[in-house]
Amino acid sequence: MVNVEAPAVVRRLRFKIDVFDRIVSGYGLVTDSSKAKFLGIAQSQFTRVKNGVTQPSQIFIMQVMTALPRVPFDQLFEIVEVER
């Protein structure tokens, strides 16, 4: 029997909140509530992704890309490695 250990590092998708904030501040959006409303999602969902509590879901990604169609995906999201 081969003992295979799980990798100590996993990859996660991270929302680049700093870039998003810079972009939407031009629209006058400064509160989490106004940003969530702009995206058409619940404030709690926005806050959880912003704080890194949860990864962006497919719906979250779709809402961001629909709201900001001229901004490339890789400017708003990145893959990061985190330790388990």
N, C-alpha and C. Protein backbone atom coordinates (compact mmCIF):
# COMPACT_ATOMS: atom_id res chain seq x y z
N MET A 1 0.84 -1.17 0.00
CA MET A 1 0.00 0.00 0.00
C MET A 1 0.89 1.24 0.00
N VAL A 2 0.55 2.18 -0.85
CA VAL A 2 1.32 3.42 -0.96
C VAL A 2 0.66 4.48 -0.10
N ASN A 3 1.46 5.14 0.71
CA ASN A 3 0.93 6.21 1.56
C ASN A 3 1.10 7.53 0.83
N VAL A 4 0.00 8.10 0.39
CA VAL A 4 0.03 9.37 -0.33
C VAL A 4 -0.56 10.45 0.58
N GLU A 5 0.25 11.42 0.87
CA GLU A 5 -0.23 12.52 1.72
C GLU A 5 -0.83 13.62 0.87
N ALA A 6 -1.83 14.27 1.40
CA ALA A 6 -2.44 15.40 0.72
C ALA A 6 -1.43 16.54 0.67
N PRO A 7 -1.46 17.30 -0.40
CA PRO A 7 -0.51 18.42 -0.48
C PRO A 7 -0.73 19.43 0.64
N ALA A 8 0.36 20.01 1.10
CA ALA A 8 0.28 20.99 2.19
C ALA A 8 -0.22 22.34 1.68
N VAL A 9 -0.20 22.51 0.37
CA VAL A 9 -0.62 23.77 -0.22
C VAL A 9 -1.77 23.50 -1.19
N VAL A 10 -2.79 24.33 -1.13
CA VAL A 10 -3.92 24.23 -2.07
C VAL A 10 -4.06 25.57 -2.79
N ARG A 11 -4.66 25.49 -3.96
CA ARG A 11 -4.89 26.72 -4.74
C ARG A 11 -6.32 27.19 -4.55
N ARG A 12 -6.47 28.50 -4.42
CA ARG A 12 -7.79 29.11 -4.25
C ARG A 12 -7.91 30.31 -5.18
N LEU A 13 -9.12 30.60 -5.56
CA LEU A 13 -9.39 31.78 -6.36
C LEU A 13 -9.63 32.94 -5.41
N ARG A 14 -8.92 34.04 -5.63
CA ARG A 14 -9.04 35.22 -4.77
C ARG A 14 -9.57 36.39 -5.57
N PHE A 15 -10.52 37.08 -4.99
CA PHE A 15 -11.08 38.30 -5.56
C PHE A 15 -10.15 39.45 -5.21
N LYS A 16 -9.71 40.18 -6.21
CA LYS A 16 -8.80 41.31 -5.98
C LYS A 16 -9.62 42.54 -5.57
N ILE A 17 -9.95 42.59 -4.31
CA ILE A 17 -10.84 43.64 -3.79
C ILE A 17 -10.23 45.02 -3.97
N ASP A 18 -8.91 45.14 -3.87
CA ASP A 18 -8.27 46.45 -4.02
C ASP A 18 -8.50 47.00 -5.43
N VAL A 19 -8.39 46.15 -6.43
CA VAL A 19 -8.63 46.58 -7.83
C VAL A 19 -10.10 46.92 -8.02
N PHE A 20 -10.97 46.05 -7.53
CA PHE A 20 -12.41 46.28 -7.64
C PHE A 20 -12.79 47.60 -6.97
N ASP A 21 -12.27 47.85 -5.77
CA ASP A 21 -12.59 49.09 -5.06
C ASP A 21 -12.15 50.32 -5.85
N ARG A 22 -10.97 50.26 -6.44
CA ARG A 22 -10.50 51.41 -7.24
C ARG A 22 -11.43 51.69 -8.41
N ILE A 23 -11.88 50.61 -9.06
CA ILE A 23 -12.75 50.77 -10.23
C ILE A 23 -14.10 51.34 -9.83
N VAL A 24 -14.75 50.73 -8.83
CA VAL A 24 -16.11 51.15 -8.48
C VAL A 24 -16.17 52.45 -7.70
N SER A 25 -15.03 52.86 -7.13
CA SER A 25 -15.04 54.16 -6.44
C SER A 25 -15.30 55.28 -7.45
N GLY A 26 -14.93 55.04 -8.70
CA GLY A 26 -15.23 56.00 -9.76
C GLY A 26 -16.72 56.16 -10.02
N TYR A 27 -17.49 55.16 -9.61
CA TYR A 27 -18.95 55.22 -9.72
C TYR A 27 -19.59 55.76 -8.44
N GLY A 28 -18.75 56.11 -7.47
CA GLY A 28 -19.26 56.61 -6.20
C GLY A 28 -19.66 55.52 -5.22
N LEU A 29 -19.23 54.30 -5.49
CA LEU A 29 -19.59 53.17 -4.62
C LEU A 29 -18.50 52.99 -3.57
N VAL A 30 -18.84 53.26 -2.32
CA VAL A 30 -17.83 53.18 -1.27
C VAL A 30 -18.20 52.20 -0.15
N THR A 31 -19.46 51.90 0.00
CA THR A 31 -19.87 50.98 1.07
C THR A 31 -20.05 49.57 0.51
N ASP A 32 -19.90 48.57 1.38
CA ASP A 32 -20.13 47.19 0.95
C ASP A 32 -21.56 47.03 0.44
N SER A 33 -22.49 47.71 1.07
CA SER A 33 -23.88 47.64 0.66
C SER A 33 -24.07 48.13 -0.77
N SER A 34 -23.49 49.27 -1.09
CA SER A 34 -23.64 49.82 -2.44
C SER A 34 -22.93 48.96 -3.49
N LYS A 35 -21.80 48.37 -3.11
CA LYS A 35 -21.06 47.50 -4.04
C LYS A 35 -21.84 46.21 -4.30
N ALA A 36 -22.42 45.65 -3.26
CA ALA A 36 -23.23 44.43 -3.41
C ALA A 36 -24.46 44.71 -4.28
N LYS A 37 -25.09 45.83 -4.06
CA LYS A 37 -26.26 46.21 -4.85
C LYS A 37 -25.87 46.38 -6.32
N PHE A 38 -24.72 47.00 -6.58
CA PHE A 38 -24.20 47.18 -7.93
C PHE A 38 -24.01 45.82 -8.62
N LEU A 39 -23.57 44.83 -7.85
CA LEU A 39 -23.34 43.49 -8.40
C LEU A 39 -24.61 42.65 -8.45
N GLY A 40 -25.64 43.08 -7.72
CA GLY A 40 -26.88 42.32 -7.69
C GLY A 40 -26.80 41.09 -6.79
N ILE A 41 -26.03 41.21 -5.71
CA ILE A 41 -25.88 40.10 -4.77
C ILE A 41 -26.15 40.60 -3.35
N ALA A 42 -26.27 39.67 -2.43
CA ALA A 42 -26.49 40.03 -1.03
C ALA A 42 -25.21 40.63 -0.45
N GLN A 43 -25.38 41.59 0.43
CA GLN A 43 -24.22 42.22 1.08
C GLN A 43 -23.40 41.18 1.85
N SER A 44 -24.07 40.24 2.49
CA SER A 44 -23.36 39.22 3.26
C SER A 44 -22.46 38.37 2.36
N GLN A 45 -22.94 38.05 1.17
CA GLN A 45 -22.13 37.28 0.22
C GLN A 45 -20.92 38.09 -0.22
N PHE A 46 -21.14 39.36 -0.53
CA PHE A 46 -20.04 40.23 -0.94
C PHE A 46 -18.99 40.32 0.16
N THR A 47 -19.43 40.53 1.39
CA THR A 47 -18.52 40.69 2.51
C THR A 47 -17.72 39.41 2.77
N ARG A 48 -18.36 38.25 2.67
CA ARG A 48 -17.65 36.99 2.88
C ARG A 48 -16.55 36.77 1.84
N VAL A 49 -16.83 37.09 0.59
CA VAL A 49 -15.81 36.95 -0.46
C VAL A 49 -14.73 38.00 -0.27
N LYS A 50 -15.12 39.22 0.02
CA LYS A 50 -14.16 40.32 0.24
C LYS A 50 -13.17 39.99 1.35
N ASN A 51 -13.67 39.40 2.43
CA ASN A 51 -12.83 39.08 3.58
C ASN A 51 -12.11 37.74 3.46
N GLY A 52 -12.33 37.03 2.35
CA GLY A 52 -11.66 35.76 2.14
C GLY A 52 -12.23 34.60 2.92
N VAL A 53 -13.43 34.79 3.47
CA VAL A 53 -14.08 33.72 4.23
C VAL A 53 -14.53 32.61 3.28
N THR A 54 -15.03 33.00 2.12
CA THR A 54 -15.43 32.04 1.09
C THR A 54 -14.78 32.42 -0.23
N GLN A 55 -14.63 31.44 -1.09
CA GLN A 55 -14.12 31.69 -2.43
C GLN A 55 -15.26 32.25 -3.28
N PRO A 56 -14.93 33.00 -4.30
CA PRO A 56 -15.98 33.48 -5.20
C PRO A 56 -16.69 32.30 -5.89
N SER A 57 -18.00 32.30 -5.84
CA SER A 57 -18.78 31.26 -6.52
C SER A 57 -18.89 31.61 -8.01
N GLN A 58 -19.40 30.68 -8.77
CA GLN A 58 -19.60 30.94 -10.20
C GLN A 58 -20.56 32.11 -10.39
N ILE A 59 -21.59 32.18 -9.57
CA ILE A 59 -22.56 33.28 -9.68
C ILE A 59 -21.89 34.60 -9.34
N PHE A 60 -21.07 34.62 -8.28
CA PHE A 60 -20.36 35.85 -7.90
C PHE A 60 -19.48 36.32 -9.05
N ILE A 61 -18.72 35.40 -9.63
CA ILE A 61 -17.83 35.75 -10.74
C ILE A 61 -18.65 36.29 -11.92
N MET A 62 -19.76 35.63 -12.23
CA MET A 62 -20.61 36.07 -13.33
C MET A 62 -21.15 37.47 -13.07
N GLN A 63 -21.58 37.75 -11.84
CA GLN A 63 -22.12 39.07 -11.52
C GLN A 63 -21.04 40.15 -11.65
N VAL A 64 -19.83 39.86 -11.20
CA VAL A 64 -18.73 40.83 -11.32
C VAL A 64 -18.41 41.08 -12.79
N MET A 65 -18.28 40.02 -13.56
CA MET A 65 -17.90 40.17 -14.97
C MET A 65 -19.01 40.84 -15.79
N THR A 66 -20.26 40.61 -15.40
CA THR A 66 -21.38 41.26 -16.08
C THR A 66 -21.44 42.75 -15.74
N ALA A 67 -21.16 43.08 -14.48
CA ALA A 67 -21.19 44.47 -14.04
C ALA A 67 -20.02 45.28 -14.61
N LEU A 68 -18.90 44.60 -14.84
CA LEU A 68 -17.69 45.27 -15.34
C LEU A 68 -17.17 44.55 -16.58
N PRO A 69 -17.94 44.58 -17.68
CA PRO A 69 -17.59 43.76 -18.85
C PRO A 69 -16.28 44.14 -19.54
N ARG A 70 -15.81 45.34 -19.35
CA ARG A 70 -14.57 45.76 -20.01
C ARG A 70 -13.31 45.47 -19.21
N VAL A 71 -13.49 44.97 -18.00
CA VAL A 71 -12.35 44.66 -17.14
C VAL A 71 -12.01 43.18 -17.31
N PRO A 72 -10.79 42.86 -17.71
CA PRO A 72 -10.41 41.45 -17.88
C PRO A 72 -10.49 40.66 -16.58
N PHE A 73 -10.84 39.39 -16.71
CA PHE A 73 -10.97 38.49 -15.57
C PHE A 73 -9.74 38.51 -14.68
N ASP A 74 -8.57 38.43 -15.29
CA ASP A 74 -7.35 38.32 -14.49
C ASP A 74 -6.97 39.61 -13.77
N GLN A 75 -7.66 40.71 -14.06
CA GLN A 75 -7.45 41.93 -13.28
C GLN A 75 -8.26 41.91 -11.99
N LEU A 76 -9.32 41.10 -11.97
CA LEU A 76 -10.21 41.06 -10.81
C LEU A 76 -10.08 39.81 -9.95
N PHE A 77 -9.48 38.76 -10.52
CA PHE A 77 -9.35 37.49 -9.80
C PHE A 77 -7.95 36.93 -10.03
N GLU A 78 -7.47 36.17 -9.03
CA GLU A 78 -6.19 35.51 -9.19
C GLU A 78 -6.19 34.21 -8.42
N ILE A 79 -5.33 33.30 -8.84
CA ILE A 79 -5.18 32.03 -8.14
C ILE A 79 -4.01 32.19 -7.18
N VAL A 80 -4.26 31.86 -5.92
CA VAL A 80 -3.21 31.96 -4.89
C VAL A 80 -3.06 30.59 -4.23
N GLU A 81 -1.88 30.36 -3.70
CA GLU A 81 -1.63 29.14 -2.97
C GLU A 81 -1.70 29.44 -1.48
N VAL A 82 -2.42 28.60 -0.75
CA VAL A 82 -2.54 28.76 0.70
C VAL A 82 -2.20 27.43 1.36
N GLU A 83 -1.63 27.52 2.54
CA GLU A 83 -1.32 26.31 3.28
C GLU A 83 -2.56 25.77 3.94
N ARG A 84 -2.61 24.47 4.04
CA ARG A 84 -3.75 23.83 4.71
C ARG A 84 -3.66 23.99 6.18
